[in-house]
N, C-alpha and C. Protein backbone atom coordinates (compact mmCIF):
# COMPACT_ATOMS: atom_id res chain seq x y z
N UNK A 1 0.93 -1.36 0.21
CA UNK A 1 -0.20 0.19 -0.01
C UNK A 1 0.88 1.11 0.12
N UNK A 2 0.38 2.13 -0.78
CA UNK A 2 1.21 3.41 -0.88
C UNK A 2 1.03 4.33 0.42
N UNK A 3 1.94 5.23 0.70
CA UNK A 3 1.67 5.81 2.16
C UNK A 3 0.90 7.12 1.66
N UNK A 4 0.50 7.86 2.52
CA UNK A 4 -0.39 9.03 2.60
C UNK A 4 0.36 10.38 2.60
N UNK A 5 -0.36 11.44 2.02
CA UNK A 5 0.21 12.67 2.11
C UNK A 5 -1.41 13.53 2.46
N UNK A 6 -1.55 14.11 3.67
CA UNK A 6 -3.02 14.55 4.01
C UNK A 6 -2.48 16.03 3.95
N UNK A 7 -3.38 16.59 3.09
CA UNK A 7 -3.50 18.07 2.80
C UNK A 7 -4.09 18.82 4.01
N UNK A 8 -3.40 20.11 4.39
CA UNK A 8 -3.43 20.74 5.46
C UNK A 8 -5.10 21.22 5.78
N UNK A 9 -6.04 21.02 4.79
CA UNK A 9 -7.36 21.31 4.90
C UNK A 9 -8.03 20.15 5.74
N UNK A 10 -7.43 18.97 5.73
CA UNK A 10 -8.04 17.72 6.18
C UNK A 10 -8.51 17.71 7.78
N UNK A 11 -9.75 17.36 7.84
CA UNK A 11 -10.21 17.56 9.25
C UNK A 11 -9.50 16.95 10.13
N UNK A 12 -8.70 17.47 11.10
CA UNK A 12 -7.72 16.76 11.99
C UNK A 12 -8.26 15.78 13.28
N UNK A 13 -9.79 16.18 13.43
CA UNK A 13 -10.31 15.57 14.51
C UNK A 13 -11.09 14.37 14.25
N UNK A 14 -11.49 14.23 12.96
CA UNK A 14 -12.26 12.85 12.60
C UNK A 14 -12.01 12.33 11.39
N UNK A 15 -11.30 13.16 10.45
CA UNK A 15 -10.91 12.27 9.01
C UNK A 15 -9.59 11.83 9.11
N UNK A 16 -8.55 12.87 9.41
CA UNK A 16 -7.14 12.54 9.67
C UNK A 16 -6.95 11.21 10.44
N UNK A 17 -7.54 10.95 11.70
CA UNK A 17 -6.98 9.76 12.45
C UNK A 17 -7.51 8.51 11.70
N UNK A 18 -8.56 8.44 11.14
CA UNK A 18 -9.10 7.26 10.29
C UNK A 18 -8.27 6.96 9.45
N UNK A 19 -7.51 7.86 8.50
CA UNK A 19 -6.55 7.48 7.53
C UNK A 19 -5.19 7.10 8.15
N UNK A 20 -4.82 7.79 9.27
CA UNK A 20 -3.47 7.72 9.89
C UNK A 20 -3.51 6.04 10.46
N UNK A 21 -4.66 5.65 11.05
CA UNK A 21 -4.69 4.41 11.30
C UNK A 21 -4.59 3.22 10.19
N UNK A 22 -4.79 3.68 9.18
CA UNK A 22 -4.86 2.63 8.03
C UNK A 22 -3.36 2.80 7.35
N UNK A 23 -2.76 3.97 7.52
CA UNK A 23 -1.59 4.20 7.02
C UNK A 23 -0.63 4.99 7.69
N UNK A 24 -0.12 4.29 8.83
CA UNK A 24 0.81 5.20 9.87
C UNK A 24 1.82 6.05 9.42
N UNK A 25 2.59 5.44 8.22
CA UNK A 25 3.72 6.52 7.85
C UNK A 25 3.04 7.84 7.19
N UNK A 26 1.91 8.05 7.16
CA UNK A 26 1.26 9.16 6.51
C UNK A 26 1.82 10.24 7.04
N UNK A 27 1.88 11.38 6.40
CA UNK A 27 1.94 12.67 7.08
C UNK A 27 1.32 14.02 6.44
N UNK A 28 1.28 15.18 6.99
CA UNK A 28 0.60 16.40 6.57
C UNK A 28 1.23 17.25 5.84
N UNK A 29 0.77 17.96 5.20
CA UNK A 29 1.61 19.19 4.47
C UNK A 29 1.44 20.59 5.56
N UNK A 30 1.21 20.22 6.56
CA UNK A 30 1.51 21.61 7.48
C UNK A 30 2.90 22.08 7.61
N UNK A 31 3.53 21.46 7.49
CA UNK A 31 4.98 21.81 7.32
C UNK A 31 5.57 23.02 6.19
N UNK A 32 4.56 22.86 5.20
CA UNK A 32 4.81 23.80 3.98
C UNK A 32 4.30 25.19 4.27
N UNK A 33 3.26 25.32 4.82
CA UNK A 33 2.75 26.59 5.00
C UNK A 33 1.38 26.89 4.42
N UNK A 34 0.74 27.66 4.96
CA UNK A 34 -0.80 27.98 4.49
C UNK A 34 -1.09 28.49 3.07
N UNK A 35 0.23 29.08 2.59
CA UNK A 35 -0.11 29.72 1.29
C UNK A 35 0.50 28.95 0.21
N UNK A 36 0.80 27.54 0.68
CA UNK A 36 1.31 26.74 -0.71
C UNK A 36 -0.02 26.84 -1.52
N UNK A 37 0.35 26.85 -2.78
CA UNK A 37 -0.72 26.77 -3.88
C UNK A 37 -0.95 25.03 -4.15
N UNK A 38 -2.33 24.75 -4.57
CA UNK A 38 -2.57 23.49 -4.65
C UNK A 38 -1.76 22.64 -5.46
N UNK A 39 -1.06 23.54 -6.77
CA UNK A 39 -0.31 22.71 -7.34
C UNK A 39 0.89 22.39 -6.82
N UNK A 40 1.45 22.99 -5.90
CA UNK A 40 2.81 22.54 -5.42
C UNK A 40 2.40 21.32 -4.59
N UNK A 41 1.23 21.29 -3.64
CA UNK A 41 0.88 20.30 -2.91
C UNK A 41 0.67 19.02 -3.90
N UNK A 42 0.11 18.93 -5.03
CA UNK A 42 -0.21 18.14 -5.96
C UNK A 42 1.20 17.63 -6.58
N UNK A 43 2.32 18.28 -6.83
CA UNK A 43 3.75 17.91 -7.17
C UNK A 43 4.42 17.54 -5.99
N UNK A 44 4.14 17.68 -4.94
CA UNK A 44 4.87 17.15 -3.86
C UNK A 44 4.42 15.82 -3.61
N UNK A 45 2.95 15.48 -3.89
CA UNK A 45 2.25 14.37 -3.66
C UNK A 45 3.07 13.41 -4.55
N UNK A 46 3.28 13.81 -6.12
CA UNK A 46 3.78 13.06 -6.94
C UNK A 46 5.29 12.87 -6.46
N UNK A 47 6.22 13.72 -5.97
CA UNK A 47 7.53 13.43 -5.96
C UNK A 47 7.53 12.72 -4.60
N UNK A 48 7.02 12.56 -3.90
CA UNK A 48 7.06 11.80 -2.53
C UNK A 48 6.50 10.36 -2.87
N UNK A 49 5.48 10.16 -3.84
CA UNK A 49 4.86 9.07 -4.35
C UNK A 49 3.94 8.63 -3.47
N UNK A 50 3.12 9.56 -2.87
CA UNK A 50 2.20 9.33 -2.05
C UNK A 50 0.54 9.48 -2.36
N UNK A 51 -0.26 8.88 -1.82
CA UNK A 51 -1.74 9.05 -2.47
C UNK A 51 -2.10 10.54 -1.37
N UNK A 52 -2.63 11.58 -2.27
CA UNK A 52 -3.09 12.71 -1.65
C UNK A 52 -4.57 12.67 -1.03
N UNK A 53 -4.60 12.82 0.42
CA UNK A 53 -6.18 12.70 0.95
C UNK A 53 -6.18 14.35 1.22
N UNK A 54 -7.31 14.93 0.65
CA UNK A 54 -7.87 16.21 0.97
C UNK A 54 -9.44 16.47 1.08
N UNK A 55 -9.73 17.77 1.26
CA UNK A 55 -10.95 18.10 1.27
C UNK A 55 -11.37 19.14 0.27
N UNK A 56 -10.42 19.32 -0.41
CA UNK A 56 -10.33 20.58 -1.43
C UNK A 56 -10.60 20.03 -2.93
N UNK A 57 -11.68 20.27 -3.55
CA UNK A 57 -12.11 19.82 -4.63
C UNK A 57 -11.33 20.23 -6.00
N UNK A 58 -10.47 21.45 -5.46
CA UNK A 58 -9.58 22.09 -6.78
C UNK A 58 -8.48 21.13 -7.35
N UNK A 59 -8.14 20.13 -6.66
CA UNK A 59 -7.47 18.97 -7.10
C UNK A 59 -8.00 18.25 -8.51
N UNK A 60 -9.37 18.08 -8.52
CA UNK A 60 -9.68 17.40 -9.40
C UNK A 60 -9.63 18.29 -10.60
N UNK A 61 -9.79 19.81 -10.49
CA UNK A 61 -9.73 20.44 -11.87
C UNK A 61 -8.52 20.63 -12.12
N UNK A 62 -7.28 20.64 -11.19
CA UNK A 62 -5.89 20.57 -11.67
C UNK A 62 -5.33 19.30 -12.48
N UNK A 63 -6.16 18.34 -12.15
CA UNK A 63 -5.77 17.06 -12.90
C UNK A 63 -6.66 16.91 -13.97
N UNK A 64 -7.86 17.23 -14.33
CA UNK A 64 -8.68 16.84 -15.22
C UNK A 64 -8.96 18.06 -16.47
N UNK A 65 -9.11 19.16 -15.62
CA UNK A 65 -9.21 20.32 -16.55
C UNK A 65 -7.66 20.76 -16.92
N UNK A 66 -7.11 20.95 -16.03
CA UNK A 66 -5.55 21.64 -16.51
C UNK A 66 -4.29 20.82 -16.84
N UNK A 67 -4.94 19.44 -16.66
CA UNK A 67 -3.69 18.66 -17.12
C UNK A 67 -2.54 18.29 -16.42
N UNK A 68 -2.58 18.85 -14.79
CA UNK A 68 -1.25 18.34 -14.13
C UNK A 68 -1.28 17.01 -13.99
N UNK A 69 0.11 16.44 -13.55
CA UNK A 69 0.43 15.06 -13.65
C UNK A 69 -0.32 14.89 -12.15
N UNK A 70 -0.69 13.60 -12.12
CA UNK A 70 -1.43 13.10 -10.87
C UNK A 70 -0.59 12.28 -10.04
N UNK A 71 -0.76 12.56 -8.74
CA UNK A 71 0.14 11.57 -7.76
C UNK A 71 -0.63 10.10 -7.98
N UNK A 72 0.05 9.33 -7.18
CA UNK A 72 -0.38 7.70 -7.47
C UNK A 72 -1.89 7.60 -7.06
N UNK A 73 -2.60 8.45 -6.21
CA UNK A 73 -3.99 8.74 -6.20
C UNK A 73 -4.44 9.69 -5.36
N UNK A 74 -5.75 9.90 -5.49
CA UNK A 74 -6.08 11.18 -4.66
C UNK A 74 -7.61 10.63 -3.94
N UNK A 75 -7.74 11.07 -2.79
CA UNK A 75 -9.10 10.92 -2.14
C UNK A 75 -9.62 12.21 -1.79
N UNK A 76 -10.65 12.63 -2.14
CA UNK A 76 -11.60 13.72 -1.78
C UNK A 76 -12.50 13.10 -0.82
N UNK A 77 -12.41 13.95 0.23
CA UNK A 77 -13.37 13.47 1.49
C UNK A 77 -14.12 14.81 1.50
N UNK A 78 -15.59 14.52 1.27
CA UNK A 78 -16.71 15.47 1.21
C UNK A 78 -17.10 15.81 2.83
N UNK A 79 -16.60 16.22 3.48
CA UNK A 79 -17.11 16.48 4.78
C UNK A 79 -18.46 17.48 5.08
N UNK A 80 -18.59 18.49 4.44
CA UNK A 80 -19.47 19.25 4.37
C UNK A 80 -20.92 18.47 4.72
N UNK A 81 -21.27 17.45 3.87
CA UNK A 81 -22.70 16.75 3.85
C UNK A 81 -22.55 15.88 5.03
N UNK A 82 -21.81 15.81 5.91
CA UNK A 82 -21.86 14.94 7.02
C UNK A 82 -21.75 15.82 8.48
N UNK A 83 -22.70 15.39 9.37
CA UNK A 83 -22.70 16.07 10.60
C UNK A 83 -21.29 15.80 11.31
N UNK A 84 -20.87 16.65 12.12
CA UNK A 84 -19.57 16.49 12.71
C UNK A 84 -19.87 15.36 13.81
N UNK A 85 -20.85 15.22 14.35
CA UNK A 85 -21.14 14.02 15.55
C UNK A 85 -20.96 12.73 14.82
N UNK A 86 -21.16 12.39 13.41
CA UNK A 86 -21.35 11.38 12.68
C UNK A 86 -19.99 10.98 11.98
N UNK A 87 -19.17 12.15 11.84
CA UNK A 87 -18.06 11.77 10.78
C UNK A 87 -17.05 10.74 11.16
N UNK A 88 -16.62 10.65 12.53
CA UNK A 88 -15.67 9.57 12.95
C UNK A 88 -16.24 8.04 12.61
N UNK A 89 -17.44 7.98 12.78
CA UNK A 89 -18.00 6.43 12.30
C UNK A 89 -18.13 6.37 10.74
N UNK A 90 -18.52 7.45 10.23
CA UNK A 90 -18.86 7.56 8.75
C UNK A 90 -17.48 7.37 7.88
N UNK A 91 -16.34 8.21 8.33
CA UNK A 91 -15.02 7.75 7.63
C UNK A 91 -14.33 6.60 8.02
N UNK A 92 -14.53 6.05 9.17
CA UNK A 92 -14.06 5.05 9.65
C UNK A 92 -14.57 3.75 8.64
N UNK A 93 -15.82 3.87 8.29
CA UNK A 93 -16.49 2.93 7.60
C UNK A 93 -15.90 3.07 5.88
N UNK A 94 -15.86 4.28 5.54
CA UNK A 94 -15.40 4.41 4.02
C UNK A 94 -13.99 4.55 3.75
N UNK A 95 -13.33 5.02 4.70
CA UNK A 95 -11.75 5.18 4.37
C UNK A 95 -11.10 3.67 3.94
N UNK A 96 -11.26 2.59 4.50
CA UNK A 96 -10.75 1.55 4.17
C UNK A 96 -10.74 1.14 2.56
N UNK A 97 -12.28 1.06 2.29
CA UNK A 97 -12.41 0.78 0.73
C UNK A 97 -11.90 2.01 -0.16
N UNK A 98 -12.00 3.09 0.28
CA UNK A 98 -11.58 4.19 -0.81
C UNK A 98 -10.16 4.19 -1.02
N UNK A 99 -9.36 3.73 0.35
CA UNK A 99 -8.07 3.67 0.24
C UNK A 99 -7.50 2.43 -0.67
N UNK A 100 -8.39 1.59 -0.55
CA UNK A 100 -7.89 0.38 -1.62
C UNK A 100 -8.28 0.76 -3.01
N UNK A 101 -9.07 1.75 -3.32
CA UNK A 101 -9.51 1.98 -4.70
C UNK A 101 -8.64 3.10 -5.04
N UNK A 102 -7.99 3.60 -4.46
CA UNK A 102 -7.16 4.93 -4.80
C UNK A 102 -5.98 4.84 -5.86
N UNK A 103 -5.42 3.75 -5.94
CA UNK A 103 -4.30 3.85 -6.50
C UNK A 103 -4.73 4.06 -8.39
N UNK A 104 -4.22 5.05 -8.87
CA UNK A 104 -4.48 5.38 -10.37
C UNK A 104 -6.05 5.92 -10.41
N UNK A 105 -6.39 6.41 -9.40
CA UNK A 105 -7.85 6.81 -9.46
C UNK A 105 -8.06 8.24 -8.65
N UNK A 106 -9.10 8.98 -8.75
CA UNK A 106 -9.59 10.17 -7.94
C UNK A 106 -10.84 9.52 -7.27
N UNK A 107 -10.62 9.52 -6.19
CA UNK A 107 -11.68 8.91 -5.26
C UNK A 107 -12.52 10.00 -4.44
N UNK A 108 -13.70 9.96 -4.55
CA UNK A 108 -14.67 11.16 -3.78
C UNK A 108 -15.41 10.09 -2.49
N UNK A 109 -15.24 10.61 -1.36
CA UNK A 109 -16.00 9.91 -0.40
C UNK A 109 -17.04 10.95 -0.30
N UNK A 110 -18.50 10.64 -0.36
CA UNK A 110 -19.55 11.22 -0.11
C UNK A 110 -20.31 10.71 1.06
N UNK A 111 -21.26 11.25 1.41
CA UNK A 111 -22.30 11.19 2.70
C UNK A 111 -22.49 9.74 2.82
N UNK A 112 -22.71 8.79 1.91
CA UNK A 112 -23.24 7.46 2.01
C UNK A 112 -22.33 6.36 1.41
N UNK A 113 -21.37 7.09 0.32
CA UNK A 113 -20.65 5.86 -0.53
C UNK A 113 -19.20 6.45 -0.87
N UNK A 114 -18.58 5.90 -1.70
CA UNK A 114 -17.64 6.46 -2.19
C UNK A 114 -17.48 6.15 -3.67
N UNK A 115 -16.95 6.74 -4.39
CA UNK A 115 -16.89 6.60 -5.95
C UNK A 115 -15.56 6.98 -6.69
N UNK A 116 -15.07 6.46 -7.75
CA UNK A 116 -13.91 6.74 -8.16
C UNK A 116 -13.86 7.03 -9.81
N UNK A 117 -13.04 7.64 -10.20
CA UNK A 117 -12.86 7.88 -11.78
C UNK A 117 -11.25 7.73 -11.92
N UNK A 118 -10.93 6.70 -13.20
CA UNK A 118 -9.52 6.59 -13.26
C UNK A 118 -8.85 8.05 -13.86
N UNK A 119 -7.64 8.39 -13.47
CA UNK A 119 -6.68 9.60 -13.87
C UNK A 119 -6.90 9.69 -15.37
N UNK A 120 -6.85 10.88 -16.10
CA UNK A 120 -6.87 10.80 -17.61
C UNK A 120 -5.25 10.08 -18.01
N UNK A 121 -5.14 9.67 -19.37
CA UNK A 121 -4.08 9.04 -19.80
C UNK A 121 -3.72 10.36 -20.57
N UNK A 122 -2.41 10.79 -20.52
CA UNK A 122 -1.97 11.78 -21.41
C UNK A 122 -0.95 11.26 -22.32
N UNK A 123 -0.76 11.52 -23.51
CA UNK A 123 0.08 10.74 -24.58
C UNK A 123 1.21 12.13 -24.86
């Protein structure tokens, strides 16, 4: 299993612990600074060969619209749709299968399920 890079926007109370339990060698981008551009974070995940976990949908635009090179995988967690009191159980249930599906894909974890889309192939 690839290790993870957790974007600085990931919910540290409910979401991050679930992923850290699955991939203990994961680390966050907090050391980069709050002003780091999303493209820099994406490039860092590529350079470090890590699956990026984020709550920022802009990474999808960077990969699919702008054609930036994707990392091994991206997991977008859509927390606004889940009440804070339910997040720990919700993410604990959906994190493991989404992590399994992440290699080569953009995974979106929604309120009731996860879905994924393969990265574009650039020739």
